[in-house]
Each structure stands twice: as C-alpha cells, then as structure tokens.
C-alpha cells in the first residue's frame, strides 16, 4: 500500500476546480445583486399574490447556473428581504403561478 502526500494548496486548488465544475462555487456580490434584482422583478409579485411571509425559493429563475442555489426570504411590510443564499444539491423548483 502506498500513500501520496499532497500540499494543502494543491488540495485547495483541486477542490476549487471541482466546485466550479459542479456549480458549487460561492456567489460573488455581482451574482447576488443580479439574482436579487430578478427576485424583485419576477418573484416578489408572485409571493405577494400567494400572501407569502417567510420561505425559500430556488434561484433557477436567474438561470441554469443558479439552479442549485436557494434564497431564504422574509416579508417586511409589502416588500420582501433576502435573508440568505444557500447551496443545495437537491434543490428543485416549482411554478409559482398556482
């Protein structure tokens, strides 16, 4: 049996490459701003119609590359705040036009 030693820098680079390939890289501020803008334009009116108060919504409305990201939201008066972005490999979406 043989063992190979890898530097922590090499492992970090390999994990970063794997995350990018699998779509698990962190969202940067520009990604979050783009998703938040689309959330306000496309999702908030539907949440109002559904009388939503708190919950989660898949980010697939922002594009295929965000389909495994989820927004946690809460209502604030007649508006909605994004509380957090979370990665979920098993995320799925459904139509909000019920």
PDB file of N, CA and C in Angstrom:
ATOM      1  N   UNK A   1       0.839  -1.159   0.000  1.00  0.00           N
ATOM      2  CA  UNK A   1       0.000   0.000   0.000  1.00  0.00           C
ATOM      3  C   UNK A   1       0.894   1.235   0.000  1.00  0.00           C
ATOM      4  N   UNK A   2       0.551   2.213  -0.850  1.00  0.00           N
ATOM      5  CA  UNK A   2       1.359   3.422  -0.904  1.00  0.00           C
ATOM      6  C   UNK A   2       0.490   4.633  -0.590  1.00  0.00           C
ATOM      7  N   UNK A   3       1.107   5.628  -0.054  1.00  0.00           N
ATOM      8  CA  UNK A   3       0.412   6.863   0.293  1.00  0.00           C
ATOM      9  C   UNK A   3       1.040   8.009  -0.468  1.00  0.00           C
ATOM     10  N   UNK A   4       0.218   8.952  -0.856  1.00  0.00           N
ATOM     11  CA  UNK A   4       0.733  10.147  -1.509  1.00  0.00           C
ATOM     12  C   UNK A   4       0.399  11.342  -0.634  1.00  0.00           C
ATOM     13  N   UNK A   5       1.347  12.209  -0.494  1.00  0.00           N
ATOM     14  CA  UNK A   5       1.138  13.429   0.269  1.00  0.00           C
ATOM     15  C   UNK A   5       0.864  14.571  -0.696  1.00  0.00           C
ATOM     16  N   UNK A   6      -0.136  15.348  -0.411  1.00  0.00           N
ATOM     17  CA  UNK A   6      -0.474  16.491  -1.245  1.00  0.00           C
ATOM     18  C   UNK A   6      -0.411  17.738  -0.387  1.00  0.00           C
ATOM     19  N   UNK A   7       0.054  18.812  -0.980  1.00  0.00           N
ATOM     20  CA  UNK A   7       0.090  20.065  -0.226  1.00  0.00           C
ATOM     21  C   UNK A   7      -1.324  20.603  -0.065  1.00  0.00           C
ATOM     22  N   UNK A   8      -1.534  21.369   0.980  1.00  0.00           N
ATOM     23  CA  UNK A   8      -2.860  21.942   1.213  1.00  0.00           C
ATOM     24  C   UNK A   8      -3.230  22.900   0.083  1.00  0.00           C
ATOM     25  N   UNK A   9      -2.256  23.561  -0.505  1.00  0.00           N
ATOM     26  CA  UNK A   9      -2.520  24.464  -1.630  1.00  0.00           C
ATOM     27  C   UNK A   9      -3.032  23.677  -2.835  1.00  0.00           C
ATOM     28  N   UNK A  10      -2.437  22.541  -3.119  1.00  0.00           N
ATOM     29  CA  UNK A  10      -2.880  21.706  -4.234  1.00  0.00           C
ATOM     30  C   UNK A  10      -4.299  21.200  -3.984  1.00  0.00           C
ATOM     31  N   UNK A  11      -4.570  20.744  -2.762  1.00  0.00           N
ATOM     32  CA  UNK A  11      -5.917  20.263  -2.444  1.00  0.00           C
ATOM     33  C   UNK A  11      -6.942  21.380  -2.568  1.00  0.00           C
ATOM     34  N   UNK A  12      -6.591  22.586  -2.135  1.00  0.00           N
ATOM     35  CA  UNK A  12      -7.494  23.716  -2.254  1.00  0.00           C
ATOM     36  C   UNK A  12      -7.806  24.006  -3.721  1.00  0.00           C
ATOM     37  N   UNK A  13      -6.779  23.996  -4.562  1.00  0.00           N
ATOM     38  CA  UNK A  13      -6.984  24.246  -5.994  1.00  0.00           C
ATOM     39  C   UNK A  13      -7.862  23.175  -6.614  1.00  0.00           C
ATOM     40  N   UNK A  14      -7.649  21.919  -6.240  1.00  0.00           N
ATOM     41  CA  UNK A  14      -8.450  20.831  -6.800  1.00  0.00           C
ATOM     42  C   UNK A  14      -9.904  20.930  -6.336  1.00  0.00           C
ATOM     43  N   UNK A  15     -10.116  21.245  -5.069  1.00  0.00           N
ATOM     44  CA  UNK A  15     -11.485  21.409  -4.571  1.00  0.00           C
ATOM     45  C   UNK A  15     -12.168  22.596  -5.238  1.00  0.00           C
ATOM     46  N   UNK A  16     -11.426  23.676  -5.470  1.00  0.00           N
ATOM     47  CA  UNK A  16     -11.980  24.845  -6.136  1.00  0.00           C
ATOM     48  C   UNK A  16     -12.388  24.494  -7.563  1.00  0.00           C
ATOM     49  N   UNK A  17     -11.541  23.735  -8.275  1.00  0.00           N
ATOM     50  CA  UNK A  17     -11.883  23.304  -9.636  1.00  0.00           C
ATOM     51  C   UNK A  17     -13.118  22.413  -9.622  1.00  0.00           C
ATOM     52  N   UNK A  18     -13.181  21.477  -8.675  1.00  0.00           N
ATOM     53  CA  UNK A  18     -14.332  20.587  -8.579  1.00  0.00           C
ATOM     54  C   UNK A  18     -15.596  21.388  -8.287  1.00  0.00           C
ATOM     55  N   UNK A  19     -15.501  22.361  -7.376  1.00  0.00           N
ATOM     56  CA  UNK A  19     -16.665  23.188  -7.047  1.00  0.00           C
ATOM     57  C   UNK A  19     -17.152  23.959  -8.266  1.00  0.00           C
ATOM     58  N   UNK A  20     -16.238  24.491  -9.058  1.00  0.00           N
ATOM     59  CA  UNK A  20     -16.643  25.242 -10.248  1.00  0.00           C
ATOM     60  C   UNK A  20     -17.277  24.325 -11.283  1.00  0.00           C
ATOM     61  N   UNK A  21     -16.739  23.140 -11.438  1.00  0.00           N
ATOM     62  CA  UNK A  21     -17.299  22.182 -12.389  1.00  0.00           C
ATOM     63  C   UNK A  21     -18.695  21.770 -11.949  1.00  0.00           C
ATOM     64  N   UNK A  22     -18.879  21.540 -10.662  1.00  0.00           N
ATOM     65  CA  UNK A  22     -20.176  21.110 -10.138  1.00  0.00           C
ATOM     66  C   UNK A  22     -21.110  22.281  -9.841  1.00  0.00           C
ATOM     67  N   UNK A  23     -20.657  23.507 -10.054  1.00  0.00           N
ATOM     68  CA  UNK A  23     -21.509  24.661  -9.823  1.00  0.00           C
ATOM     69  C   UNK A  23     -21.626  25.062  -8.365  1.00  0.00           C
ATOM     70  N   UNK A  24     -20.646  24.685  -7.541  1.00  0.00           N
ATOM     71  CA  UNK A  24     -20.740  24.959  -6.114  1.00  0.00           C
ATOM     72  C   UNK A  24     -19.854  26.103  -5.666  1.00  0.00           C
ATOM     73  N   UNK A  25     -19.338  26.892  -6.586  1.00  0.00           N
ATOM     74  CA  UNK A  25     -18.505  28.000  -6.151  1.00  0.00           C
ATOM     75  C   UNK A  25     -19.384  29.026  -5.439  1.00  0.00           C
ATOM     76  N   UNK A  26     -18.785  29.793  -4.593  1.00  0.00           N
ATOM     77  CA  UNK A  26     -19.536  30.803  -3.847  1.00  0.00           C
ATOM     78  C   UNK A  26     -20.081  31.851  -4.802  1.00  0.00           C
ATOM     79  N   UNK A  27     -21.205  32.412  -4.445  1.00  0.00           N
ATOM     80  CA  UNK A  27     -21.755  33.514  -5.222  1.00  0.00           C
ATOM     81  C   UNK A  27     -21.000  34.782  -4.853  1.00  0.00           C
ATOM     82  N   UNK A  28     -20.598  35.538  -5.869  1.00  0.00           N
ATOM     83  CA  UNK A  28     -19.949  36.809  -5.557  1.00  0.00           C
ATOM     84  C   UNK A  28     -21.017  37.903  -5.447  1.00  0.00           C
ATOM     85  N   UNK A  29     -20.592  39.095  -5.099  1.00  0.00           N
ATOM     86  CA  UNK A  29     -21.537  40.196  -4.886  1.00  0.00           C
ATOM     87  C   UNK A  29     -22.325  40.518  -6.147  1.00  0.00           C
ATOM     88  N   UNK A  30     -21.679  40.404  -7.307  1.00  0.00           N
ATOM     89  CA  UNK A  30     -22.363  40.683  -8.574  1.00  0.00           C
ATOM     90  C   UNK A  30     -23.458  39.641  -8.833  1.00  0.00           C
ATOM     91  N   UNK A  31     -23.159  38.357  -8.573  1.00  0.00           N
ATOM     92  CA  UNK A  31     -24.162  37.300  -8.719  1.00  0.00           C
ATOM     93  C   UNK A  31     -25.354  37.578  -7.812  1.00  0.00           C
ATOM     94  N   UNK A  32     -25.072  37.885  -6.553  1.00  0.00           N
ATOM     95  CA  UNK A  32     -26.139  38.143  -5.588  1.00  0.00           C
ATOM     96  C   UNK A  32     -26.982  39.346  -5.992  1.00  0.00           C
ATOM     97  N   UNK A  33     -26.338  40.393  -6.498  1.00  0.00           N
ATOM     98  CA  UNK A  33     -27.070  41.584  -6.920  1.00  0.00           C
ATOM     99  C   UNK A  33     -27.966  41.271  -8.120  1.00  0.00           C
ATOM    100  N   UNK A  34     -27.457  40.504  -9.074  1.00  0.00           N
ATOM    101  CA  UNK A  34     -28.250  40.128 -10.256  1.00  0.00           C
ATOM    102  C   UNK A  34     -29.447  39.278  -9.865  1.00  0.00           C
ATOM    103  N   UNK A  35     -29.212  38.305  -8.997  1.00  0.00           N
ATOM    104  CA  UNK A  35     -30.296  37.430  -8.535  1.00  0.00           C
ATOM    105  C   UNK A  35     -31.327  38.242  -7.751  1.00  0.00           C
ATOM    106  N   UNK A  36     -30.855  39.143  -6.894  1.00  0.00           N
ATOM    107  CA  UNK A  36     -31.766  39.967  -6.092  1.00  0.00           C
ATOM    108  C   UNK A  36     -32.634  40.855  -6.982  1.00  0.00           C
ATOM    109  N   UNK A  37     -32.063  41.404  -8.040  1.00  0.00           N
ATOM    110  CA  UNK A  37     -32.829  42.242  -8.965  1.00  0.00           C
ATOM    111  C   UNK A  37     -33.928  41.430  -9.652  1.00  0.00           C
ATOM    112  N   UNK A  38     -33.569  40.237 -10.137  1.00  0.00           N
ATOM    113  CA  UNK A  38     -34.564  39.363 -10.769  1.00  0.00           C
ATOM    114  C   UNK A  38     -35.606  38.892  -9.758  1.00  0.00           C
ATOM    115  N   UNK A  39     -35.178  38.635  -8.527  1.00  0.00           N
ATOM    116  CA  UNK A  39     -36.097  38.249  -7.462  1.00  0.00           C
ATOM    117  C   UNK A  39     -37.159  39.330  -7.267  1.00  0.00           C
ATOM    118  N   UNK A  40     -36.710  40.591  -7.193  1.00  0.00           N
ATOM    119  CA  UNK A  40     -37.647  41.702  -7.014  1.00  0.00           C
ATOM    120  C   UNK A  40     -38.601  41.844  -8.196  1.00  0.00           C
ATOM    121  N   UNK A  41     -38.082  41.651  -9.401  1.00  0.00           N
ATOM    122  CA  UNK A  41     -38.900  41.843 -10.609  1.00  0.00           C
ATOM    123  C   UNK A  41     -39.857  40.685 -10.873  1.00  0.00           C
ATOM    124  N   UNK A  42     -39.374  39.455 -10.716  1.00  0.00           N
ATOM    125  CA  UNK A  42     -40.142  38.287 -11.152  1.00  0.00           C
ATOM    126  C   UNK A  42     -40.822  37.507 -10.023  1.00  0.00           C
ATOM    127  N   UNK A  43     -40.176  37.408  -8.880  1.00  0.00           N
ATOM    128  CA  UNK A  43     -40.666  36.522  -7.829  1.00  0.00           C
ATOM    129  C   UNK A  43     -41.510  37.256  -6.792  1.00  0.00           C
ATOM    130  N   UNK A  44     -41.102  38.452  -6.403  1.00  0.00           N
ATOM    131  CA  UNK A  44     -41.834  39.184  -5.362  1.00  0.00           C
ATOM    132  C   UNK A  44     -43.315  39.376  -5.705  1.00  0.00           C
ATOM    133  N   UNK A  45     -43.662  39.765  -6.934  1.00  0.00           N
ATOM    134  CA  UNK A  45     -45.098  39.893  -7.220  1.00  0.00           C
ATOM    135  C   UNK A  45     -45.871  38.581  -7.017  1.00  0.00           C
ATOM    136  N   UNK A  46     -45.259  37.474  -7.336  1.00  0.00           N
ATOM    137  CA  UNK A  46     -45.911  36.176  -7.138  1.00  0.00           C
ATOM    138  C   UNK A  46     -46.038  35.843  -5.656  1.00  0.00           C
ATOM    139  N   UNK A  47     -45.001  36.193  -4.893  1.00  0.00           N
ATOM    140  CA  UNK A  47     -45.061  35.944  -3.448  1.00  0.00           C
ATOM    141  C   UNK A  47     -46.163  36.774  -2.800  1.00  0.00           C
ATOM    142  N   UNK A  48     -46.323  38.010  -3.282  1.00  0.00           N
ATOM    143  CA  UNK A  48     -47.412  38.854  -2.766  1.00  0.00           C
ATOM    144  C   UNK A  48     -48.766  38.216  -3.067  1.00  0.00           C
ATOM    145  N   UNK A  49     -48.923  37.741  -4.308  1.00  0.00           N
ATOM    146  CA  UNK A  49     -50.190  37.103  -4.696  1.00  0.00           C
ATOM    147  C   UNK A  49     -50.495  35.883  -3.837  1.00  0.00           C
ATOM    148  N   UNK A  50     -49.437  35.182  -3.421  1.00  0.00           N
ATOM    149  CA  UNK A  50     -49.601  33.983  -2.603  1.00  0.00           C
ATOM    150  C   UNK A  50     -49.645  34.299  -1.108  1.00  0.00           C
ATOM    151  N   UNK A  51     -49.546  35.578  -0.752  1.00  0.00           N
ATOM    152  CA  UNK A  51     -49.541  36.023   0.647  1.00  0.00           C
ATOM    153  C   UNK A  51     -48.427  35.350   1.449  1.00  0.00           C
ATOM    154  N   UNK A  52     -47.281  35.210   0.796  1.00  0.00           N
ATOM    155  CA  UNK A  52     -46.126  34.588   1.451  1.00  0.00           C
ATOM    156  C   UNK A  52     -45.580  35.508   2.540  1.00  0.00           C
ATOM    157  N   UNK A  53     -44.959  34.908   3.537  1.00  0.00           N
ATOM    158  CA  UNK A  53     -44.367  35.680   4.633  1.00  0.00           C
ATOM    159  C   UNK A  53     -42.904  35.322   4.854  1.00  0.00           C
ATOM    160  N   UNK A  54     -42.601  34.054   4.774  1.00  0.00           N
ATOM    161  CA  UNK A  54     -41.238  33.577   5.002  1.00  0.00           C
ATOM    162  C   UNK A  54     -41.078  32.275   4.230  1.00  0.00           C
ATOM    163  N   UNK A  55     -39.876  32.026   3.708  1.00  0.00           N
ATOM    164  CA  UNK A  55     -39.685  30.769   2.988  1.00  0.00           C
ATOM    165  C   UNK A  55     -38.409  30.737   2.185  1.00  0.00           C
ATOM    166  N   UNK A  56     -38.364  29.796   1.270  1.00  0.00           N
ATOM    167  CA  UNK A  56     -37.221  29.623   0.385  1.00  0.00           C
ATOM    168  C   UNK A  56     -37.715  29.497  -1.049  1.00  0.00           C
ATOM    169  N   UNK A  57     -36.888  29.967  -1.972  1.00  0.00           N
ATOM    170  CA  UNK A  57     -37.196  29.895  -3.394  1.00  0.00           C
ATOM    171  C   UNK A  57     -35.921  29.514  -4.135  1.00  0.00           C
ATOM    172  N   UNK A  58     -36.040  28.590  -5.072  1.00  0.00           N
ATOM    173  CA  UNK A  58     -34.908  28.211  -5.916  1.00  0.00           C
ATOM    174  C   UNK A  58     -34.516  29.397  -6.793  1.00  0.00           C
ATOM    175  N   UNK A  59     -33.233  29.536  -7.043  1.00  0.00           N
ATOM    176  CA  UNK A  59     -32.729  30.634  -7.874  1.00  0.00           C
ATOM    177  C   UNK A  59     -32.693  30.270  -9.359  1.00  0.00           C
ATOM    178  N   UNK A  60     -33.328  29.181  -9.761  1.00  0.00           N
ATOM    179  CA  UNK A  60     -33.281  28.799 -11.171  1.00  0.00           C
ATOM    180  C   UNK A  60     -33.934  29.831 -12.079  1.00  0.00           C
ATOM    181  N   UNK A  61     -34.738  30.738 -11.529  1.00  0.00           N
ATOM    182  CA  UNK A  61     -35.322  31.827 -12.313  1.00  0.00           C
ATOM    183  C   UNK A  61     -34.240  32.757 -12.861  1.00  0.00           C
ATOM    184  N   UNK A  62     -33.044  32.728 -12.245  1.00  0.00           N
ATOM    185  CA  UNK A  62     -31.935  33.578 -12.661  1.00  0.00           C
ATOM    186  C   UNK A  62     -31.032  32.896 -13.687  1.00  0.00           C
ATOM    187  N   UNK A  63     -31.305  31.639 -13.997  1.00  0.00           N
ATOM    188  CA  UNK A  63     -30.505  30.927 -14.991  1.00  0.00           C
ATOM    189  C   UNK A  63     -30.075  29.558 -14.500  1.00  0.00           C
ATOM    190  N   UNK A  64     -29.747  28.716 -15.432  1.00  0.00           N
ATOM    191  CA  UNK A  64     -29.377  27.330 -15.154  1.00  0.00           C
ATOM    192  C   UNK A  64     -28.210  27.209 -14.171  1.00  0.00           C
ATOM    193  N   UNK A  65     -27.254  28.138 -14.237  1.00  0.00           N
ATOM    194  CA  UNK A  65     -26.079  28.057 -13.357  1.00  0.00           C
ATOM    195  C   UNK A  65     -26.418  28.288 -11.888  1.00  0.00           C
ATOM    196  N   UNK A  66     -27.623  28.804 -11.612  1.00  0.00           N
ATOM    197  CA  UNK A  66     -28.031  29.069 -10.232  1.00  0.00           C
ATOM    198  C   UNK A  66     -29.097  28.101  -9.732  1.00  0.00           C
ATOM    199  N   UNK A  67     -29.366  27.042 -10.475  1.00  0.00           N
ATOM    200  CA  UNK A  67     -30.479  26.150 -10.129  1.00  0.00           C
ATOM    201  C   UNK A  67     -30.307  25.447  -8.787  1.00  0.00           C
ATOM    202  N   UNK A  68     -29.071  25.318  -8.290  1.00  0.00           N
ATOM    203  CA  UNK A  68     -28.841  24.676  -7.003  1.00  0.00           C
ATOM    204  C   UNK A  68     -28.678  25.678  -5.861  1.00  0.00           C
ATOM    205  N   UNK A  69     -28.949  26.927  -6.130  1.00  0.00           N
ATOM    206  CA  UNK A  69     -28.896  27.954  -5.095  1.00  0.00           C
ATOM    207  C   UNK A  69     -30.315  28.298  -4.667  1.00  0.00           C
ATOM    208  N   UNK A  70     -30.469  28.564  -3.398  1.00  0.00           N
ATOM    209  CA  UNK A  70     -31.774  28.866  -2.814  1.00  0.00           C
ATOM    210  C   UNK A  70     -31.691  30.204  -2.088  1.00  0.00           C
ATOM    211  N   UNK A  71     -32.761  30.980  -2.214  1.00  0.00           N
ATOM    212  CA  UNK A  71     -32.891  32.236  -1.474  1.00  0.00           C
ATOM    213  C   UNK A  71     -33.788  31.976  -0.266  1.00  0.00           C
ATOM    214  N   UNK A  72     -33.340  32.404   0.893  1.00  0.00           N
ATOM    215  CA  UNK A  72     -34.210  32.451   2.071  1.00  0.00           C
ATOM    216  C   UNK A  72     -34.728  33.882   2.141  1.00  0.00           C
ATOM    217  N   UNK A  73     -36.052  34.033   2.246  1.00  0.00           N
ATOM    218  CA  UNK A  73     -36.638  35.364   2.260  1.00  0.00           C
ATOM    219  C   UNK A  73     -37.604  35.522   3.428  1.00  0.00           C
ATOM    220  N   UNK A  74     -37.905  36.778   3.735  1.00  0.00           N
ATOM    221  CA  UNK A  74     -38.935  37.094   4.727  1.00  0.00           C
ATOM    222  C   UNK A  74     -39.633  38.363   4.271  1.00  0.00           C
ATOM    223  N   UNK A  75     -40.884  38.505   4.672  1.00  0.00           N
ATOM    224  CA  UNK A  75     -41.634  39.699   4.293  1.00  0.00           C
ATOM    225  C   UNK A  75     -41.316  40.831   5.257  1.00  0.00           C
ATOM    226  N   UNK A  76     -41.405  42.035   4.711  1.00  0.00           N
ATOM    227  CA  UNK A  76     -41.218  43.248   5.502  1.00  0.00           C
ATOM    228  C   UNK A  76     -42.233  44.252   4.978  1.00  0.00           C
ATOM    229  N   UNK A  77     -43.370  44.324   5.657  1.00  0.00           N
ATOM    230  CA  UNK A  77     -44.459  45.158   5.156  1.00  0.00           C
ATOM    231  C   UNK A  77     -44.965  44.576   3.840  1.00  0.00           C
ATOM    232  N   UNK A  78     -44.981  45.382   2.802  1.00  0.00           N
ATOM    233  CA  UNK A  78     -45.392  44.913   1.484  1.00  0.00           C
ATOM    234  C   UNK A  78     -44.233  44.467   0.625  1.00  0.00           C
ATOM    235  N   UNK A  79     -43.043  44.423   1.205  1.00  0.00           N
ATOM    236  CA  UNK A  79     -41.843  44.066   0.461  1.00  0.00           C
ATOM    237  C   UNK A  79     -41.243  42.783   1.028  1.00  0.00           C
ATOM    238  N   UNK A  80     -40.193  42.305   0.385  1.00  0.00           N
ATOM    239  CA  UNK A  80     -39.514  41.090   0.828  1.00  0.00           C
ATOM    240  C   UNK A  80     -38.014  41.334   0.908  1.00  0.00           C
ATOM    241  N   UNK A  81     -37.394  40.801   1.926  1.00  0.00           N
ATOM    242  CA  UNK A  81     -35.943  40.867   2.095  1.00  0.00           C
ATOM    243  C   UNK A  81     -35.342  39.500   1.862  1.00  0.00           C
ATOM    244  N   UNK A  82     -34.209  39.477   1.183  1.00  0.00           N
ATOM    245  CA  UNK A  82     -33.437  38.244   1.057  1.00  0.00           C
ATOM    246  C   UNK A  82     -32.605  38.127   2.326  1.00  0.00           C
ATOM    247  N   UNK A  83     -32.792  37.035   3.034  1.00  0.00           N
ATOM    248  CA  UNK A  83     -32.086  36.807   4.287  1.00  0.00           C
ATOM    249  C   UNK A  83     -30.741  36.135   4.039  1.00  0.00           C
ATOM    250  N   UNK A  84     -30.721  35.180   3.087  1.00  0.00           N
ATOM    251  CA  UNK A  84     -29.507  34.409   2.860  1.00  0.00           C
ATOM    252  C   UNK A  84     -29.586  33.693   1.528  1.00  0.00           C
ATOM    253  N   UNK A  85     -28.420  33.318   1.001  1.00  0.00           N
ATOM    254  CA  UNK A  85     -28.298  32.441  -0.153  1.00  0.00           C
ATOM    255  C   UNK A  85     -27.693  31.143   0.346  1.00  0.00           C
ATOM    256  N   UNK A  86     -28.217  30.028  -0.112  1.00  0.00           N
ATOM    257  CA  UNK A  86     -27.738  28.729   0.352  1.00  0.00           C
ATOM    258  C   UNK A  86     -27.611  27.782  -0.837  1.00  0.00           C
ATOM    259  N   UNK A  87     -26.542  26.991  -0.858  1.00  0.00           N
ATOM    260  CA  UNK A  87     -26.364  25.984  -1.905  1.00  0.00           C
ATOM    261  C   UNK A  87     -27.018  24.683  -1.458  1.00  0.00           C
ATOM    262  N   UNK A  88     -27.770  24.057  -2.369  1.00  0.00           N
ATOM    263  CA  UNK A  88     -28.424  22.783  -2.075  1.00  0.00           C
ATOM    264  C   UNK A  88     -28.399  21.934  -3.340  1.00  0.00           C
ATOM    265  N   UNK A  89     -27.635  20.841  -3.294  1.00  0.00           N
ATOM    266  CA  UNK A  89     -27.521  19.960  -4.465  1.00  0.00           C
ATOM    267  C   UNK A  89     -28.858  19.369  -4.877  1.00  0.00           C
ATOM    268  N   UNK A  90     -29.774  19.248  -3.946  1.00  0.00           N
ATOM    269  CA  UNK A  90     -31.057  18.625  -4.222  1.00  0.00           C
ATOM    270  C   UNK A  90     -32.176  19.656  -4.430  1.00  0.00           C
ATOM    271  N   UNK A  91     -31.788  20.901  -4.664  1.00  0.00           N
ATOM    272  CA  UNK A  91     -32.784  21.949  -4.853  1.00  0.00           C
ATOM    273  C   UNK A  91     -33.637  21.657  -6.083  1.00  0.00           C
ATOM    274  N   UNK A  92     -34.890  21.968  -5.958  1.00  0.00           N
ATOM    275  CA  UNK A  92     -35.798  21.850  -7.122  1.00  0.00           C
ATOM    276  C   UNK A  92     -36.749  23.036  -7.068  1.00  0.00           C
ATOM    277  N   UNK A  93     -37.378  23.297  -8.170  1.00  0.00           N
ATOM    278  CA  UNK A  93     -38.291  24.421  -8.212  1.00  0.00           C
ATOM    279  C   UNK A  93     -39.669  23.967  -8.630  1.00  0.00           C
ATOM    280  N   UNK A  94     -40.622  24.857  -8.416  1.00  0.00           N
ATOM    281  CA  UNK A  94     -41.980  24.607  -8.890  1.00  0.00           C
ATOM    282  C   UNK A  94     -42.547  25.951  -9.325  1.00  0.00           C
ATOM    283  N   UNK A  95     -43.575  25.878 -10.129  1.00  0.00           N
ATOM    284  CA  UNK A  95     -44.190  27.067 -10.693  1.00  0.00           C
ATOM    285  C   UNK A  95     -44.957  27.832  -9.622  1.00  0.00           C
ATOM    286  N   UNK A  96     -44.686  29.121  -9.489  1.00  0.00           N
ATOM    287  CA  UNK A  96     -45.372  29.953  -8.518  1.00  0.00           C
ATOM    288  C   UNK A  96     -46.686  30.507  -9.053  1.00  0.00           C
ATOM    289  N   UNK A  97     -47.012  30.216 -10.307  1.00  0.00           N
ATOM    290  CA  UNK A  97     -48.281  30.656 -10.894  1.00  0.00           C
ATOM    291  C   UNK A  97     -49.344  29.617 -10.612  1.00  0.00           C
ATOM    292  N   UNK A  98     -49.726  29.505  -9.360  1.00  0.00           N
ATOM    293  CA  UNK A  98     -50.719  28.496  -8.963  1.00  0.00           C
ATOM    294  C   UNK A  98     -52.133  28.977  -9.209  1.00  0.00           C
TER     295      UNK A  98
END
